[in-house]
């Protein structure tokens, strides 16, 4: 899919001129090809960065989908949602402890340990302010999440809520605004 513009342009030029070897280096057609190649590169970079931004929310929905399947509960109450969110926030604690134990005394933290520490701090801060989760108090939403196919596209159809560390639930919009 990445070279869509380049393929279209190449096809048009071949249809008009014949084989690609007959295009002169400084011709208008070669400029069109370079421009199409540059555009495809830009679009590829944008798609990669968008996917990188969306992936944490896809992983989050996948975690809660797995917790629904493991527990078999049809509708969660506030305490069960709070317990599931806490397990999500602290899912990296065990790996963090292992990294601390394997590090020799006096040595700086590894890159992985620094990234885990930052990730855990971000998740805990979000949990204090309101952690974005699929609404597990609605039977329709739970069944929709259970049938979810793992793509970003269908996350929009789910209802989402924010859960605070005090256990308060409030409705939220999806995708969340990056303020």
N, C-alpha and C. Protein backbone atom coordinates (compact mmCIF):
# COMPACT_ATOMS: atom_id res chain seq x y z
N UNK A 1 0.81 -1.19 0.00
CA UNK A 1 0.00 0.00 0.00
C UNK A 1 0.86 1.26 0.00
N UNK A 2 2.10 1.13 0.44
CA UNK A 2 2.91 2.32 0.60
C UNK A 2 3.21 3.02 -0.71
N UNK A 3 3.41 2.28 -1.80
CA UNK A 3 3.81 2.91 -3.05
C UNK A 3 2.63 3.10 -3.99
N UNK A 4 1.49 3.46 -3.45
CA UNK A 4 0.30 3.62 -4.27
C UNK A 4 0.48 4.74 -5.31
N UNK A 5 0.91 5.91 -4.89
CA UNK A 5 1.08 7.03 -5.81
C UNK A 5 2.17 6.75 -6.83
N UNK A 6 3.26 6.19 -6.38
CA UNK A 6 4.36 5.87 -7.28
C UNK A 6 3.92 4.86 -8.33
N UNK A 7 3.20 3.84 -7.93
CA UNK A 7 2.73 2.83 -8.88
C UNK A 7 1.78 3.43 -9.91
N UNK A 8 0.88 4.29 -9.45
CA UNK A 8 -0.05 4.93 -10.38
C UNK A 8 0.69 5.81 -11.39
N UNK A 9 1.61 6.59 -10.90
CA UNK A 9 2.37 7.48 -11.77
C UNK A 9 3.21 6.68 -12.76
N UNK A 10 3.87 5.64 -12.26
CA UNK A 10 4.69 4.80 -13.14
C UNK A 10 3.82 4.16 -14.23
N UNK A 11 2.65 3.70 -13.85
CA UNK A 11 1.75 3.08 -14.82
C UNK A 11 1.32 4.07 -15.89
N UNK A 12 1.00 5.32 -15.46
CA UNK A 12 0.60 6.34 -16.42
C UNK A 12 1.74 6.67 -17.40
N UNK A 13 2.94 6.77 -16.89
CA UNK A 13 4.09 7.11 -17.73
C UNK A 13 4.40 5.97 -18.70
N UNK A 14 4.35 4.74 -18.23
CA UNK A 14 4.63 3.59 -19.09
C UNK A 14 3.57 3.51 -20.18
N UNK A 15 2.33 3.81 -19.83
CA UNK A 15 1.25 3.78 -20.82
C UNK A 15 1.48 4.82 -21.91
N UNK A 16 2.01 5.99 -21.52
CA UNK A 16 2.23 7.08 -22.45
C UNK A 16 3.52 6.91 -23.26
N UNK A 17 4.61 6.52 -22.58
CA UNK A 17 5.94 6.53 -23.20
C UNK A 17 6.45 5.16 -23.62
N UNK A 18 6.01 4.14 -22.94
CA UNK A 18 6.59 2.83 -23.18
C UNK A 18 7.42 2.40 -21.99
N UNK A 19 8.41 1.55 -22.18
CA UNK A 19 9.22 1.05 -21.04
C UNK A 19 9.87 2.20 -20.25
N UNK A 20 10.12 1.95 -18.95
CA UNK A 20 10.65 2.99 -18.06
C UNK A 20 12.07 3.42 -18.43
N UNK A 21 12.79 2.65 -19.15
CA UNK A 21 14.16 3.00 -19.51
C UNK A 21 14.23 4.17 -20.47
N UNK A 22 13.13 4.53 -21.11
CA UNK A 22 13.15 5.61 -22.09
C UNK A 22 12.92 6.98 -21.47
N UNK A 23 12.70 7.07 -20.17
CA UNK A 23 12.47 8.35 -19.51
C UNK A 23 13.82 9.02 -19.25
N UNK A 24 13.95 10.26 -19.68
CA UNK A 24 15.18 11.02 -19.49
C UNK A 24 15.29 11.45 -18.04
N UNK A 25 16.52 11.59 -17.55
CA UNK A 25 16.77 11.90 -16.14
C UNK A 25 16.17 13.23 -15.70
N UNK A 26 16.20 14.25 -16.50
CA UNK A 26 15.70 15.56 -16.10
C UNK A 26 14.32 15.89 -16.66
N UNK A 27 13.62 14.91 -17.17
CA UNK A 27 12.34 15.17 -17.82
C UNK A 27 11.22 15.42 -16.80
N UNK A 28 10.10 15.90 -17.33
CA UNK A 28 8.93 16.12 -16.48
C UNK A 28 8.44 14.81 -15.87
N UNK A 29 8.52 13.75 -16.64
CA UNK A 29 8.07 12.46 -16.13
C UNK A 29 8.94 11.97 -14.97
N UNK A 30 10.22 12.17 -15.06
CA UNK A 30 11.09 11.75 -13.96
C UNK A 30 10.84 12.61 -12.72
N UNK A 31 10.52 13.90 -12.93
CA UNK A 31 10.16 14.75 -11.78
C UNK A 31 8.87 14.26 -11.14
N UNK A 32 7.91 13.85 -11.97
CA UNK A 32 6.66 13.30 -11.44
C UNK A 32 6.93 12.05 -10.60
N UNK A 33 7.83 11.22 -11.09
CA UNK A 33 8.17 10.00 -10.36
C UNK A 33 8.84 10.32 -9.02
N UNK A 34 9.77 11.26 -9.02
CA UNK A 34 10.44 11.64 -7.77
C UNK A 34 9.45 12.24 -6.78
N UNK A 35 8.54 13.07 -7.29
CA UNK A 35 7.53 13.69 -6.44
C UNK A 35 6.61 12.63 -5.84
N UNK A 36 6.21 11.65 -6.65
CA UNK A 36 5.34 10.57 -6.16
C UNK A 36 6.08 9.73 -5.11
N UNK A 37 7.35 9.47 -5.33
CA UNK A 37 8.14 8.70 -4.38
C UNK A 37 8.26 9.45 -3.05
N UNK A 38 8.48 10.77 -3.12
CA UNK A 38 8.59 11.57 -1.91
C UNK A 38 7.26 11.58 -1.15
N UNK A 39 6.16 11.69 -1.87
CA UNK A 39 4.84 11.70 -1.24
C UNK A 39 4.56 10.36 -0.56
N UNK A 40 4.89 9.28 -1.22
CA UNK A 40 4.70 7.97 -0.60
C UNK A 40 5.54 7.82 0.66
N UNK A 41 6.74 8.37 0.64
CA UNK A 41 7.58 8.33 1.84
C UNK A 41 6.98 9.11 2.99
N UNK A 42 6.46 10.30 2.70
CA UNK A 42 5.81 11.12 3.74
C UNK A 42 4.59 10.40 4.31
N UNK A 43 3.77 9.85 3.44
CA UNK A 43 2.58 9.15 3.90
C UNK A 43 2.94 7.93 4.75
N UNK A 44 4.00 7.25 4.36
CA UNK A 44 4.45 6.10 5.15
C UNK A 44 4.90 6.51 6.55
N UNK A 45 5.63 7.61 6.64
CA UNK A 45 6.07 8.10 7.95
C UNK A 45 4.89 8.51 8.82
N UNK A 46 3.90 9.18 8.21
CA UNK A 46 2.71 9.58 8.95
C UNK A 46 1.94 8.37 9.46
N UNK A 47 1.80 7.36 8.62
CA UNK A 47 1.09 6.16 9.04
C UNK A 47 1.81 5.45 10.17
N UNK A 48 3.13 5.41 10.10
CA UNK A 48 3.91 4.77 11.15
C UNK A 48 3.77 5.51 12.47
N UNK A 49 3.84 6.85 12.44
CA UNK A 49 3.71 7.61 13.68
C UNK A 49 2.30 7.51 14.25
N UNK A 50 1.28 7.47 13.39
CA UNK A 50 -0.09 7.34 13.86
C UNK A 50 -0.29 5.98 14.54
N UNK A 51 0.25 4.95 13.92
CA UNK A 51 0.13 3.60 14.50
C UNK A 51 0.85 3.53 15.85
N UNK A 52 1.99 4.20 15.94
CA UNK A 52 2.74 4.21 17.20
C UNK A 52 1.95 4.92 18.30
N UNK A 53 1.20 5.97 17.95
CA UNK A 53 0.37 6.68 18.92
C UNK A 53 -0.83 5.85 19.33
N UNK A 54 -1.42 5.11 18.40
CA UNK A 54 -2.64 4.36 18.67
C UNK A 54 -2.39 3.05 19.40
N UNK A 55 -1.20 2.50 19.28
CA UNK A 55 -0.92 1.17 19.80
C UNK A 55 -1.14 1.03 21.31
N UNK A 56 -0.77 2.01 22.16
CA UNK A 56 -1.03 1.83 23.59
C UNK A 56 -2.51 1.64 23.93
N UNK A 57 -3.39 2.33 23.23
CA UNK A 57 -4.82 2.17 23.49
C UNK A 57 -5.33 0.83 22.97
N UNK A 58 -4.78 0.36 21.87
CA UNK A 58 -5.15 -0.96 21.35
C UNK A 58 -4.69 -2.03 22.34
N UNK A 59 -3.48 -1.89 22.88
CA UNK A 59 -2.97 -2.84 23.87
C UNK A 59 -3.82 -2.81 25.13
N UNK A 60 -4.25 -1.63 25.53
CA UNK A 60 -5.08 -1.47 26.72
C UNK A 60 -6.41 -2.19 26.53
N UNK A 61 -7.05 -1.98 25.39
CA UNK A 61 -8.32 -2.65 25.13
C UNK A 61 -8.11 -4.17 25.08
N UNK A 62 -7.00 -4.61 24.52
CA UNK A 62 -6.69 -6.04 24.48
C UNK A 62 -6.52 -6.63 25.87
N UNK A 63 -5.91 -5.86 26.76
CA UNK A 63 -5.74 -6.32 28.15
C UNK A 63 -7.09 -6.53 28.81
N UNK A 64 -7.99 -5.58 28.64
CA UNK A 64 -9.30 -5.70 29.27
C UNK A 64 -10.16 -6.76 28.58
N UNK A 65 -9.93 -6.98 27.30
CA UNK A 65 -10.61 -8.07 26.61
C UNK A 65 -10.18 -9.41 27.19
N UNK A 66 -8.88 -9.55 27.45
CA UNK A 66 -8.36 -10.77 28.06
C UNK A 66 -8.90 -10.96 29.48
N UNK A 67 -9.00 -9.86 30.24
CA UNK A 67 -9.52 -9.99 31.61
C UNK A 67 -10.98 -10.40 31.60
N UNK A 68 -11.74 -9.96 30.60
CA UNK A 68 -13.14 -10.40 30.47
C UNK A 68 -13.18 -11.90 30.18
N UNK A 69 -12.34 -12.34 29.27
CA UNK A 69 -12.33 -13.76 28.89
C UNK A 69 -11.85 -14.65 30.03
N UNK A 70 -10.87 -14.16 30.80
CA UNK A 70 -10.33 -14.96 31.91
C UNK A 70 -11.34 -15.09 33.05
N UNK A 71 -11.99 -13.97 33.41
CA UNK A 71 -12.91 -14.00 34.54
C UNK A 71 -14.27 -14.56 34.15
N UNK A 72 -14.71 -14.33 32.93
CA UNK A 72 -16.01 -14.82 32.51
C UNK A 72 -17.17 -13.99 33.05
N UNK A 73 -16.87 -12.83 33.61
CA UNK A 73 -17.90 -11.97 34.17
C UNK A 73 -18.58 -11.21 33.04
N UNK A 74 -19.91 -11.14 33.10
CA UNK A 74 -20.65 -10.43 32.04
C UNK A 74 -20.69 -8.93 32.28
N UNK A 75 -20.88 -8.53 33.55
CA UNK A 75 -20.93 -7.11 33.89
C UNK A 75 -20.07 -6.89 35.13
N UNK A 76 -19.16 -5.95 35.05
CA UNK A 76 -18.26 -5.65 36.16
C UNK A 76 -18.89 -4.58 37.05
N UNK A 77 -18.63 -4.67 38.36
CA UNK A 77 -19.01 -3.56 39.23
C UNK A 77 -17.79 -2.66 39.42
N UNK A 78 -17.95 -1.58 40.14
CA UNK A 78 -16.88 -0.58 40.27
C UNK A 78 -15.62 -1.18 40.89
N UNK A 79 -15.76 -2.06 41.89
CA UNK A 79 -14.59 -2.66 42.54
C UNK A 79 -13.82 -3.58 41.59
N UNK A 80 -14.55 -4.33 40.78
CA UNK A 80 -13.89 -5.23 39.82
C UNK A 80 -13.16 -4.44 38.74
N UNK A 81 -13.78 -3.34 38.29
CA UNK A 81 -13.11 -2.47 37.30
C UNK A 81 -11.85 -1.88 37.91
N UNK A 82 -11.96 -1.42 39.15
CA UNK A 82 -10.81 -0.83 39.85
C UNK A 82 -9.69 -1.85 39.99
N UNK A 83 -10.03 -3.10 40.31
CA UNK A 83 -9.02 -4.15 40.45
C UNK A 83 -8.36 -4.44 39.09
N UNK A 84 -9.16 -4.46 38.02
CA UNK A 84 -8.60 -4.71 36.68
C UNK A 84 -7.68 -3.57 36.26
N UNK A 85 -8.06 -2.33 36.56
CA UNK A 85 -7.22 -1.18 36.21
C UNK A 85 -5.92 -1.22 37.01
N UNK A 86 -6.02 -1.55 38.30
CA UNK A 86 -4.80 -1.64 39.11
C UNK A 86 -3.87 -2.72 38.58
N UNK A 87 -4.42 -3.84 38.14
CA UNK A 87 -3.56 -4.89 37.59
C UNK A 87 -2.92 -4.43 36.29
N UNK A 88 -3.64 -3.61 35.49
CA UNK A 88 -3.05 -3.08 34.26
C UNK A 88 -1.93 -2.10 34.58
N UNK A 89 -2.18 -1.21 35.54
CA UNK A 89 -1.19 -0.18 35.89
C UNK A 89 0.08 -0.84 36.45
N UNK A 90 -0.09 -1.91 37.21
CA UNK A 90 1.07 -2.53 37.87
C UNK A 90 1.53 -3.81 37.16
N UNK A 91 1.22 -3.96 35.89
CA UNK A 91 1.62 -5.17 35.17
C UNK A 91 3.12 -5.27 34.95
N UNK A 92 3.83 -4.15 35.01
CA UNK A 92 5.28 -4.15 34.76
C UNK A 92 6.10 -4.17 36.05
N UNK A 93 5.44 -4.21 37.21
CA UNK A 93 6.16 -4.16 38.48
C UNK A 93 7.10 -5.35 38.67
N UNK A 94 6.67 -6.53 38.26
CA UNK A 94 7.49 -7.72 38.43
C UNK A 94 8.77 -7.62 37.59
N UNK A 95 8.63 -7.19 36.35
CA UNK A 95 9.81 -7.05 35.48
C UNK A 95 10.74 -5.96 36.03
N UNK A 96 10.14 -4.90 36.56
CA UNK A 96 10.94 -3.81 37.12
C UNK A 96 11.74 -4.31 38.32
N UNK A 97 11.11 -5.12 39.18
CA UNK A 97 11.82 -5.69 40.33
C UNK A 97 12.96 -6.60 39.91
N UNK A 98 12.74 -7.40 38.86
CA UNK A 98 13.79 -8.28 38.37
C UNK A 98 14.97 -7.48 37.83
N UNK A 99 14.67 -6.41 37.12
CA UNK A 99 15.74 -5.58 36.57
C UNK A 99 16.55 -4.92 37.69
N UNK A 100 15.87 -4.50 38.75
CA UNK A 100 16.58 -3.90 39.88
C UNK A 100 17.47 -4.91 40.58
N UNK A 101 16.98 -6.14 40.70
CA UNK A 101 17.76 -7.18 41.38
C UNK A 101 18.98 -7.60 40.57
N UNK A 102 18.85 -7.67 39.25
CA UNK A 102 19.97 -8.12 38.44
C UNK A 102 21.04 -7.05 38.26
N UNK A 103 20.69 -5.80 38.51
CA UNK A 103 21.67 -4.73 38.35
C UNK A 103 22.67 -4.77 39.50
N UNK A 104 23.93 -4.65 39.16
CA UNK A 104 24.97 -4.64 40.19
C UNK A 104 24.90 -3.34 40.99
N UNK A 105 25.28 -3.38 42.25
CA UNK A 105 25.24 -2.16 43.07
C UNK A 105 26.18 -1.08 42.51
N UNK A 106 25.69 0.13 42.51
CA UNK A 106 26.50 1.25 42.04
C UNK A 106 26.41 1.50 40.55
N UNK A 107 25.72 0.62 39.83
CA UNK A 107 25.58 0.77 38.37
C UNK A 107 24.33 1.59 38.06
N UNK A 108 24.38 2.37 37.00
CA UNK A 108 23.17 3.12 36.63
C UNK A 108 22.09 2.19 36.09
N UNK A 109 20.88 2.68 36.09
CA UNK A 109 19.75 1.88 35.61
C UNK A 109 19.89 1.65 34.10
N UNK A 110 19.40 0.50 33.67
CA UNK A 110 19.46 0.18 32.24
C UNK A 110 18.40 0.99 31.50
N UNK A 111 18.52 0.98 30.19
CA UNK A 111 17.56 1.71 29.35
C UNK A 111 16.16 1.14 29.53
N UNK A 112 16.06 -0.18 29.60
CA UNK A 112 14.76 -0.83 29.78
C UNK A 112 14.15 -0.44 31.13
N UNK A 113 14.98 -0.38 32.16
CA UNK A 113 14.49 0.01 33.48
C UNK A 113 13.99 1.45 33.48
N UNK A 114 14.69 2.34 32.80
CA UNK A 114 14.25 3.73 32.70
C UNK A 114 12.92 3.85 31.96
N UNK A 115 12.78 3.12 30.86
CA UNK A 115 11.52 3.19 30.11
C UNK A 115 10.37 2.59 30.92
N UNK A 116 10.62 1.50 31.63
CA UNK A 116 9.56 0.93 32.47
C UNK A 116 9.17 1.89 33.59
N UNK A 117 10.17 2.54 34.19
CA UNK A 117 9.88 3.49 35.27
C UNK A 117 9.02 4.65 34.75
N UNK A 118 9.35 5.14 33.55
CA UNK A 118 8.57 6.23 32.97
C UNK A 118 7.16 5.76 32.61
N UNK A 119 7.05 4.56 32.08
CA UNK A 119 5.73 4.03 31.71
C UNK A 119 4.85 3.84 32.94
N UNK A 120 5.42 3.29 34.01
CA UNK A 120 4.67 3.08 35.24
C UNK A 120 4.24 4.42 35.84
N UNK A 121 5.13 5.40 35.83
CA UNK A 121 4.79 6.72 36.37
C UNK A 121 3.66 7.37 35.56
N UNK A 122 3.70 7.23 34.25
CA UNK A 122 2.66 7.78 33.39
C UNK A 122 1.32 7.11 33.66
N UNK A 123 1.33 5.80 33.79
CA UNK A 123 0.09 5.07 34.06
C UNK A 123 -0.48 5.43 35.43
N UNK A 124 0.39 5.57 36.44
CA UNK A 124 -0.10 5.93 37.77
C UNK A 124 -0.67 7.34 37.80
N UNK A 125 -0.04 8.26 37.07
CA UNK A 125 -0.57 9.62 37.02
C UNK A 125 -1.93 9.64 36.31
N UNK A 126 -2.04 8.89 35.22
CA UNK A 126 -3.33 8.81 34.53
C UNK A 126 -4.38 8.18 35.43
N UNK A 127 -3.99 7.20 36.23
CA UNK A 127 -4.93 6.54 37.14
C UNK A 127 -5.44 7.51 38.19
N UNK A 128 -4.60 8.40 38.67
CA UNK A 128 -5.04 9.40 39.65
C UNK A 128 -6.01 10.39 39.03
N UNK A 129 -5.75 10.79 37.78
CA UNK A 129 -6.59 11.79 37.12
C UNK A 129 -7.82 11.20 36.44
N UNK A 130 -7.80 9.93 36.15
CA UNK A 130 -8.90 9.26 35.46
C UNK A 130 -8.36 8.39 34.36
N UNK A 131 -8.41 7.09 34.57
CA UNK A 131 -7.82 6.11 33.66
C UNK A 131 -8.86 5.71 32.63
N UNK A 132 -8.53 5.83 31.36
CA UNK A 132 -9.44 5.53 30.26
C UNK A 132 -9.53 4.02 30.04
N UNK A 133 -10.75 3.48 30.19
CA UNK A 133 -10.99 2.05 29.98
C UNK A 133 -12.32 1.87 29.25
N UNK A 134 -12.49 0.75 28.57
CA UNK A 134 -13.81 0.47 28.00
C UNK A 134 -14.82 0.30 29.13
N UNK A 135 -16.04 0.71 28.90
CA UNK A 135 -17.09 0.62 29.92
C UNK A 135 -17.45 -0.84 30.13
N UNK A 136 -17.10 -1.36 31.30
CA UNK A 136 -17.36 -2.76 31.60
C UNK A 136 -18.61 -2.94 32.46
N UNK A 137 -19.35 -1.85 32.70
CA UNK A 137 -20.58 -1.93 33.49
C UNK A 137 -21.79 -2.21 32.62
N UNK A 138 -21.64 -2.16 31.32
CA UNK A 138 -22.72 -2.39 30.38
C UNK A 138 -22.53 -3.76 29.71
N UNK A 139 -23.57 -4.57 29.74
CA UNK A 139 -23.47 -5.92 29.16
C UNK A 139 -23.22 -5.85 27.66
N UNK A 140 -23.85 -4.90 26.96
CA UNK A 140 -23.66 -4.78 25.52
C UNK A 140 -22.21 -4.40 25.20
N UNK A 141 -21.65 -3.49 25.99
CA UNK A 141 -20.28 -3.05 25.75
C UNK A 141 -19.28 -4.17 26.06
N UNK A 142 -19.55 -4.93 27.11
CA UNK A 142 -18.66 -6.05 27.46
C UNK A 142 -18.68 -7.09 26.36
N UNK A 143 -19.87 -7.41 25.84
CA UNK A 143 -19.93 -8.40 24.76
C UNK A 143 -19.29 -7.87 23.48
N UNK A 144 -19.44 -6.56 23.22
CA UNK A 144 -18.78 -5.97 22.04
C UNK A 144 -17.27 -6.01 22.19
N UNK A 145 -16.76 -5.74 23.40
CA UNK A 145 -15.31 -5.80 23.64
C UNK A 145 -14.80 -7.23 23.52
N UNK A 146 -15.61 -8.18 23.97
CA UNK A 146 -15.21 -9.58 23.89
C UNK A 146 -15.11 -10.04 22.43
N UNK A 147 -15.94 -9.47 21.55
CA UNK A 147 -15.92 -9.83 20.13
C UNK A 147 -14.99 -8.94 19.31
N UNK A 148 -14.38 -7.96 19.93
CA UNK A 148 -13.51 -7.00 19.24
C UNK A 148 -12.37 -7.73 18.54
N UNK A 149 -12.04 -7.27 17.33
CA UNK A 149 -11.07 -7.97 16.49
C UNK A 149 -9.62 -7.49 16.67
N UNK A 150 -9.38 -6.54 17.54
CA UNK A 150 -8.00 -6.12 17.81
C UNK A 150 -7.52 -4.96 16.96
N UNK A 151 -8.41 -4.30 16.22
CA UNK A 151 -8.01 -3.19 15.38
C UNK A 151 -8.45 -1.86 15.98
N UNK A 152 -7.75 -0.81 15.60
CA UNK A 152 -8.07 0.53 16.05
C UNK A 152 -9.44 0.96 15.53
N UNK A 153 -9.78 0.54 14.36
CA UNK A 153 -10.99 0.97 13.68
C UNK A 153 -12.24 0.71 14.51
N UNK A 154 -12.31 -0.42 15.17
CA UNK A 154 -13.53 -0.79 15.89
C UNK A 154 -13.53 -0.34 17.35
N UNK A 155 -12.47 0.26 17.83
CA UNK A 155 -12.45 0.77 19.20
C UNK A 155 -13.41 1.95 19.35
N UNK A 156 -13.65 2.64 18.26
CA UNK A 156 -14.52 3.80 18.28
C UNK A 156 -15.96 3.45 18.61
N UNK A 157 -16.37 2.23 18.31
CA UNK A 157 -17.76 1.82 18.55
C UNK A 157 -18.02 1.44 20.01
N UNK A 158 -16.96 1.28 20.80
CA UNK A 158 -17.12 0.95 22.22
C UNK A 158 -17.37 2.21 23.04
N UNK A 159 -18.07 2.06 24.15
CA UNK A 159 -18.24 3.16 25.10
C UNK A 159 -17.05 3.12 26.06
N UNK A 160 -16.55 4.29 26.42
CA UNK A 160 -15.38 4.38 27.28
C UNK A 160 -15.70 5.20 28.51
N UNK A 161 -15.02 4.89 29.62
CA UNK A 161 -15.18 5.63 30.87
C UNK A 161 -13.80 5.93 31.44
N UNK A 162 -13.78 6.90 32.34
CA UNK A 162 -12.55 7.21 33.09
C UNK A 162 -12.77 6.75 34.52
N UNK A 163 -11.79 6.01 35.04
CA UNK A 163 -11.85 5.48 36.40
C UNK A 163 -10.75 6.15 37.20
N UNK A 164 -11.11 6.77 38.32
CA UNK A 164 -10.10 7.37 39.19
C UNK A 164 -9.66 6.36 40.23
N UNK A 165 -8.56 6.65 40.92
CA UNK A 165 -8.07 5.72 41.94
C UNK A 165 -9.01 5.64 43.13
N UNK A 166 -9.94 6.61 43.26
CA UNK A 166 -10.94 6.56 44.32
C UNK A 166 -12.11 5.65 43.93
N UNK A 167 -12.17 5.23 42.67
CA UNK A 167 -13.23 4.33 42.22
C UNK A 167 -14.36 5.02 41.50
N UNK A 168 -14.25 6.32 41.24
CA UNK A 168 -15.31 7.06 40.56
C UNK A 168 -15.24 6.79 39.06
N UNK A 169 -16.42 6.61 38.45
CA UNK A 169 -16.53 6.38 37.01
C UNK A 169 -17.20 7.58 36.37
N UNK A 170 -16.65 8.06 35.25
CA UNK A 170 -17.32 9.10 34.47
C UNK A 170 -17.13 8.80 32.99
N UNK A 171 -18.13 9.14 32.20
CA UNK A 171 -18.05 8.83 30.77
C UNK A 171 -16.93 9.62 30.12
N UNK A 172 -16.41 9.06 29.04
CA UNK A 172 -15.29 9.69 28.34
C UNK A 172 -15.51 9.54 26.84
N UNK A 173 -14.81 10.37 26.10
CA UNK A 173 -14.87 10.29 24.64
C UNK A 173 -13.67 9.48 24.14
N UNK A 174 -13.86 8.91 22.97
CA UNK A 174 -12.77 8.17 22.36
C UNK A 174 -12.64 8.61 20.92
N UNK A 175 -11.48 8.82 20.40
CA UNK A 175 -10.17 8.75 21.05
C UNK A 175 -9.96 9.95 21.97
N UNK A 176 -9.15 9.77 23.00
CA UNK A 176 -8.94 10.86 23.96
C UNK A 176 -8.18 12.01 23.31
N UNK A 177 -8.47 13.20 23.77
CA UNK A 177 -7.77 14.40 23.27
C UNK A 177 -6.41 14.47 23.92
N UNK A 178 -5.41 14.82 23.14
CA UNK A 178 -4.05 14.99 23.66
C UNK A 178 -3.87 16.46 24.03
N UNK A 179 -4.27 16.81 25.22
CA UNK A 179 -4.12 18.20 25.68
C UNK A 179 -2.86 18.39 26.47
